[in-house]
Amino acid sequence: MTEPRRRVAFLLSQLGSLSAARFADLTKAAGLSPQDAGVLRLIAGEPGMSQRELADRVGAVPSRVVVLVDSLESRGLVVRTRSESDRRNHALHLTEGGRAALAALRPIGLEHEREVLEPLTEDERARLGELLSKLASGHGLDPEVHPGYASSPGGGARDR
């Protein structure tokens, strides 16, 4: 009997789409988009980063990041201040509202992970995590940045 054709990459793609759609639904209920969530997390991890640094980190064109930051700023989640080291740049910081939004995302992320991994045992979850980390690292992916930024509406690094 022949071994069934392996379609691991296809299954990863299917699960990635399912997972991304479900996360978008969960963040929408919190009044945020997945991109909002990612940007808030990055700014929280590196307070004072410039818009240019944020654009480089997420692999998006600067104009796309300006739109994201404008939206977060208009909702009172992020504030831009002049950089003390380079007055031409703006430093990005979370506001109290931004920190509260980020805190509200934590249980959403935990619920999302629980739902996606529910069919697996604890040991299987741990092993899958190790294997996916190895694959991501082997492909040079930043574990803090979703590559969807670069291909989301507004254009990305590959569209330059």
C-alpha atoms as a PDB file:
ATOM      1  CA  MET A   1       0.000   0.000   0.000  1.00  0.00           C
ATOM      2  CA  THR A   2       1.365   3.420  -0.880  1.00  0.00           C
ATOM      3  CA  GLU A   3       1.803   6.143   1.694  1.00  0.00           C
ATOM      4  CA  PRO A   4      -0.859   8.857   1.475  1.00  0.00           C
ATOM      5  CA  ARG A   5       0.361  11.991  -0.220  1.00  0.00           C
ATOM      6  CA  ARG A   6       1.620  14.441   2.399  1.00  0.00           C
ATOM      7  CA  ARG A   7       0.142  17.906   2.257  1.00  0.00           C
ATOM      8  CA  VAL A   8       1.679  19.478   5.330  1.00  0.00           C
ATOM      9  CA  ALA A   9       2.182  22.925   3.768  1.00  0.00           C
ATOM     10  CA  PHE A  10      -1.421  22.936   2.539  1.00  0.00           C
ATOM     11  CA  LEU A  11      -2.704  21.960   5.993  1.00  0.00           C
ATOM     12  CA  LEU A  12      -0.576  24.687   7.599  1.00  0.00           C
ATOM     13  CA  SER A  13      -2.075  27.178   5.137  1.00  0.00           C
ATOM     14  CA  GLN A  14      -5.619  26.010   5.918  1.00  0.00           C
ATOM     15  CA  LEU A  15      -5.043  26.228   9.651  1.00  0.00           C
ATOM     16  CA  GLY A  16      -3.335  29.605   9.295  1.00  0.00           C
ATOM     17  CA  SER A  17      -6.363  30.995   7.455  1.00  0.00           C
ATOM     18  CA  LEU A  18      -8.749  29.525  10.013  1.00  0.00           C
ATOM     19  CA  SER A  19      -6.676  30.860  12.891  1.00  0.00           C
ATOM     20  CA  ALA A  20      -6.301  34.348  11.358  1.00  0.00           C
ATOM     21  CA  ALA A  21     -10.034  34.636  10.671  1.00  0.00           C
ATOM     22  CA  ARG A  22     -10.924  33.533  14.194  1.00  0.00           C
ATOM     23  CA  PHE A  23      -8.409  35.956  15.746  1.00  0.00           C
ATOM     24  CA  ALA A  24      -9.842  38.786  13.623  1.00  0.00           C
ATOM     25  CA  ASP A  25     -13.328  37.948  14.945  1.00  0.00           C
ATOM     26  CA  LEU A  26     -12.097  37.935  18.537  1.00  0.00           C
ATOM     27  CA  THR A  27     -10.193  41.224  18.233  1.00  0.00           C
ATOM     28  CA  LYS A  28     -13.110  42.867  16.414  1.00  0.00           C
ATOM     29  CA  ALA A  29     -15.295  42.135  19.434  1.00  0.00           C
ATOM     30  CA  ALA A  30     -12.736  44.148  21.453  1.00  0.00           C
ATOM     31  CA  GLY A  31     -12.879  47.036  18.949  1.00  0.00           C
ATOM     32  CA  LEU A  32      -9.471  46.265  17.446  1.00  0.00           C
ATOM     33  CA  SER A  33      -8.031  44.648  14.350  1.00  0.00           C
ATOM     34  CA  PRO A  34      -5.260  42.039  14.387  1.00  0.00           C
ATOM     35  CA  GLN A  35      -2.946  44.758  13.020  1.00  0.00           C
ATOM     36  CA  ASP A  36      -3.916  47.060  15.902  1.00  0.00           C
ATOM     37  CA  ALA A  37      -3.152  44.270  18.353  1.00  0.00           C
ATOM     38  CA  GLY A  38       0.238  43.592  16.809  1.00  0.00           C
ATOM     39  CA  VAL A  39       1.260  47.242  16.725  1.00  0.00           C
ATOM     40  CA  LEU A  40       0.190  47.790  20.331  1.00  0.00           C
ATOM     41  CA  ARG A  41       2.228  44.751  21.380  1.00  0.00           C
ATOM     42  CA  LEU A  42       5.320  45.938  19.494  1.00  0.00           C
ATOM     43  CA  ILE A  43       5.129  49.463  20.909  1.00  0.00           C
ATOM     44  CA  ALA A  44       4.633  48.081  24.416  1.00  0.00           C
ATOM     45  CA  GLY A  45       7.741  45.944  23.951  1.00  0.00           C
ATOM     46  CA  GLU A  46       9.839  48.859  22.658  1.00  0.00           C
ATOM     47  CA  PRO A  47       8.419  52.124  24.020  1.00  0.00           C
ATOM     48  CA  GLY A  48       9.769  55.109  22.129  1.00  0.00           C
ATOM     49  CA  MET A  49      10.340  53.297  18.839  1.00  0.00           C
ATOM     50  CA  SER A  50       9.966  55.544  15.802  1.00  0.00           C
ATOM     51  CA  GLN A  51       7.411  55.084  13.064  1.00  0.00           C
ATOM     52  CA  ARG A  52      10.271  54.212  10.700  1.00  0.00           C
ATOM     53  CA  GLU A  53      11.504  51.514  13.115  1.00  0.00           C
ATOM     54  CA  LEU A  54       7.959  50.172  13.391  1.00  0.00           C
ATOM     55  CA  ALA A  55       7.613  50.100   9.590  1.00  0.00           C
ATOM     56  CA  ASP A  56      10.940  48.277   9.255  1.00  0.00           C
ATOM     57  CA  ARG A  57       9.972  45.803  11.961  1.00  0.00           C
ATOM     58  CA  VAL A  58       6.645  44.866  10.403  1.00  0.00           C
ATOM     59  CA  GLY A  59       7.947  44.968   6.822  1.00  0.00           C
ATOM     60  CA  ALA A  60       5.436  47.576   5.700  1.00  0.00           C
ATOM     61  CA  VAL A  61       5.886  50.799   3.801  1.00  0.00           C
ATOM     62  CA  PRO A  62       6.034  53.835   6.127  1.00  0.00           C
ATOM     63  CA  SER A  63       2.781  55.255   4.711  1.00  0.00           C
ATOM     64  CA  ARG A  64       0.941  52.106   5.842  1.00  0.00           C
ATOM     65  CA  VAL A  65       2.330  52.472   9.354  1.00  0.00           C
ATOM     66  CA  VAL A  66       1.305  56.147   9.450  1.00  0.00           C
ATOM     67  CA  VAL A  67      -2.294  55.076   8.735  1.00  0.00           C
ATOM     68  CA  LEU A  68      -2.159  52.443  11.511  1.00  0.00           C
ATOM     69  CA  VAL A  69      -0.625  54.849  14.038  1.00  0.00           C
ATOM     70  CA  ASP A  70      -3.061  57.643  13.058  1.00  0.00           C
ATOM     71  CA  SER A  71      -5.952  55.292  13.780  1.00  0.00           C
ATOM     72  CA  LEU A  72      -4.528  54.180  17.130  1.00  0.00           C
ATOM     73  CA  GLU A  73      -3.755  57.775  18.085  1.00  0.00           C
ATOM     74  CA  SER A  74      -7.272  58.989  17.172  1.00  0.00           C
ATOM     75  CA  ARG A  75      -8.706  56.322  19.493  1.00  0.00           C
ATOM     76  CA  GLY A  76      -6.451  57.409  22.343  1.00  0.00           C
ATOM     77  CA  LEU A  77      -4.354  54.224  22.380  1.00  0.00           C
ATOM     78  CA  VAL A  78      -1.009  55.603  21.184  1.00  0.00           C
ATOM     79  CA  VAL A  79       0.710  58.956  21.488  1.00  0.00           C
ATOM     80  CA  ARG A  80       3.450  60.378  19.280  1.00  0.00           C
ATOM     81  CA  THR A  81       6.080  62.601  20.846  1.00  0.00           C
ATOM     82  CA  ARG A  82       9.109  64.209  19.277  1.00  0.00           C
ATOM     83  CA  SER A  83      12.125  61.986  19.667  1.00  0.00           C
ATOM     84  CA  GLU A  84      14.668  63.455  22.059  1.00  0.00           C
ATOM     85  CA  SER A  85      17.533  61.913  20.085  1.00  0.00           C
ATOM     86  CA  ASP A  86      16.303  62.981  16.619  1.00  0.00           C
ATOM     87  CA  ARG A  87      13.719  65.772  16.476  1.00  0.00           C
ATOM     88  CA  ARG A  88      12.761  64.704  12.915  1.00  0.00           C
ATOM     89  CA  ASN A  89      11.240  61.483  14.283  1.00  0.00           C
ATOM     90  CA  HIS A  90       8.283  60.697  16.467  1.00  0.00           C
ATOM     91  CA  ALA A  91       8.610  58.324  19.390  1.00  0.00           C
ATOM     92  CA  LEU A  92       5.619  56.018  19.896  1.00  0.00           C
ATOM     93  CA  HIS A  93       4.215  55.230  23.331  1.00  0.00           C
ATOM     94  CA  LEU A  94       1.083  53.544  24.600  1.00  0.00           C
ATOM     95  CA  THR A  95      -1.393  55.656  26.517  1.00  0.00           C
ATOM     96  CA  GLU A  96      -3.288  54.349  29.545  1.00  0.00           C
ATOM     97  CA  GLY A  97      -6.018  53.395  27.068  1.00  0.00           C
ATOM     98  CA  GLY A  98      -3.472  51.547  24.946  1.00  0.00           C
ATOM     99  CA  ARG A  99      -2.200  49.629  27.964  1.00  0.00           C
ATOM    100  CA  ALA A 100      -5.789  48.764  28.905  1.00  0.00           C
ATOM    101  CA  ALA A 101      -6.521  47.586  25.349  1.00  0.00           C
ATOM    102  CA  LEU A 102      -3.393  45.441  25.405  1.00  0.00           C
ATOM    103  CA  ALA A 103      -4.417  43.964  28.754  1.00  0.00           C
ATOM    104  CA  ALA A 104      -7.863  43.175  27.302  1.00  0.00           C
ATOM    105  CA  LEU A 105      -6.165  41.322  24.449  1.00  0.00           C
ATOM    106  CA  ARG A 106      -4.379  38.869  26.746  1.00  0.00           C
ATOM    107  CA  PRO A 107      -7.452  36.749  27.543  1.00  0.00           C
ATOM    108  CA  ILE A 108      -8.484  36.958  23.888  1.00  0.00           C
ATOM    109  CA  GLY A 109      -5.110  35.534  22.867  1.00  0.00           C
ATOM    110  CA  LEU A 110      -5.360  32.771  25.455  1.00  0.00           C
ATOM    111  CA  GLU A 111      -8.875  31.859  24.316  1.00  0.00           C
ATOM    112  CA  HIS A 112      -7.760  31.863  20.691  1.00  0.00           C
ATOM    113  CA  GLU A 113      -4.856  29.537  21.438  1.00  0.00           C
ATOM    114  CA  ARG A 114      -7.100  27.240  23.489  1.00  0.00           C
ATOM    115  CA  GLU A 115      -9.652  26.998  20.664  1.00  0.00           C
ATOM    116  CA  VAL A 116      -7.101  26.367  17.926  1.00  0.00           C
ATOM    117  CA  LEU A 117      -5.174  23.745  19.884  1.00  0.00           C
ATOM    118  CA  GLU A 118      -8.129  22.075  21.601  1.00  0.00           C
ATOM    119  CA  PRO A 119      -7.890  18.790  19.619  1.00  0.00           C
ATOM    120  CA  LEU A 120      -4.312  18.231  20.854  1.00  0.00           C
ATOM    121  CA  THR A 121      -2.997  16.851  24.124  1.00  0.00           C
ATOM    122  CA  GLU A 122      -0.616  18.953  26.237  1.00  0.00           C
ATOM    123  CA  ASP A 123       2.347  16.934  24.949  1.00  0.00           C
ATOM    124  CA  GLU A 124       1.207  17.361  21.339  1.00  0.00           C
ATOM    125  CA  ARG A 125       0.767  21.109  21.873  1.00  0.00           C
ATOM    126  CA  ALA A 126       4.293  21.403  23.255  1.00  0.00           C
ATOM    127  CA  ARG A 127       5.781  19.383  20.397  1.00  0.00           C
ATOM    128  CA  LEU A 128       3.834  21.319  17.768  1.00  0.00           C
ATOM    129  CA  GLY A 129       5.051  24.579  19.320  1.00  0.00           C
ATOM    130  CA  GLU A 130       8.654  23.380  19.143  1.00  0.00           C
ATOM    131  CA  LEU A 131       8.317  22.286  15.522  1.00  0.00           C
ATOM    132  CA  LEU A 132       6.566  25.475  14.406  1.00  0.00           C
ATOM    133  CA  SER A 133       9.194  27.594  16.175  1.00  0.00           C
ATOM    134  CA  LYS A 134      11.908  25.649  14.378  1.00  0.00           C
ATOM    135  CA  LEU A 135      10.192  26.174  11.016  1.00  0.00           C
ATOM    136  CA  ALA A 136       9.661  29.895  11.647  1.00  0.00           C
ATOM    137  CA  SER A 137      13.270  30.342  12.708  1.00  0.00           C
ATOM    138  CA  GLY A 138      14.509  28.357   9.720  1.00  0.00           C
ATOM    139  CA  HIS A 139      12.637  30.714   7.419  1.00  0.00           C
ATOM    140  CA  GLY A 140      13.927  33.822   9.188  1.00  0.00           C
ATOM    141  CA  LEU A 141      10.565  34.895  10.579  1.00  0.00           C
ATOM    142  CA  ASP A 142      10.401  37.352  13.473  1.00  0.00           C
ATOM    143  CA  PRO A 143       8.384  35.584  16.202  1.00  0.00           C
ATOM    144  CA  GLU A 144       6.808  38.914  17.207  1.00  0.00           C
ATOM    145  CA  VAL A 145       5.613  40.019  13.747  1.00  0.00           C
ATOM    146  CA  HIS A 146       2.935  38.519  11.525  1.00  0.00           C
ATOM    147  CA  PRO A 147       3.994  38.643   7.853  1.00  0.00           C
ATOM    148  CA  GLY A 148       0.454  39.743   6.948  1.00  0.00           C
ATOM    149  CA  TYR A 149       1.459  43.363   7.612  1.00  0.00           C
ATOM    150  CA  ALA A 150       3.516  43.429   4.439  1.00  0.00           C
ATOM    151  CA  SER A 151       0.639  42.226   2.269  1.00  0.00           C
ATOM    152  CA  SER A 152      -2.272  43.965   3.978  1.00  0.00           C
ATOM    153  CA  PRO A 153      -4.188  46.784   2.255  1.00  0.00           C
ATOM    154  CA  GLY A 154      -2.027  49.846   1.921  1.00  0.00           C
ATOM    155  CA  GLY A 155       0.940  47.965   0.555  1.00  0.00           C
ATOM    156  CA  GLY A 156       3.975  46.439   2.068  1.00  0.00           C
ATOM    157  CA  ALA A 157       7.680  46.060   1.628  1.00  0.00           C
ATOM    158  CA  ARG A 158       7.236  43.632  -1.251  1.00  0.00           C
ATOM    159  CA  ASP A 159       5.064  46.176  -3.086  1.00  0.00           C
ATOM    160  CA  ARG A 160       7.716  48.920  -3.167  1.00  0.00           C
END
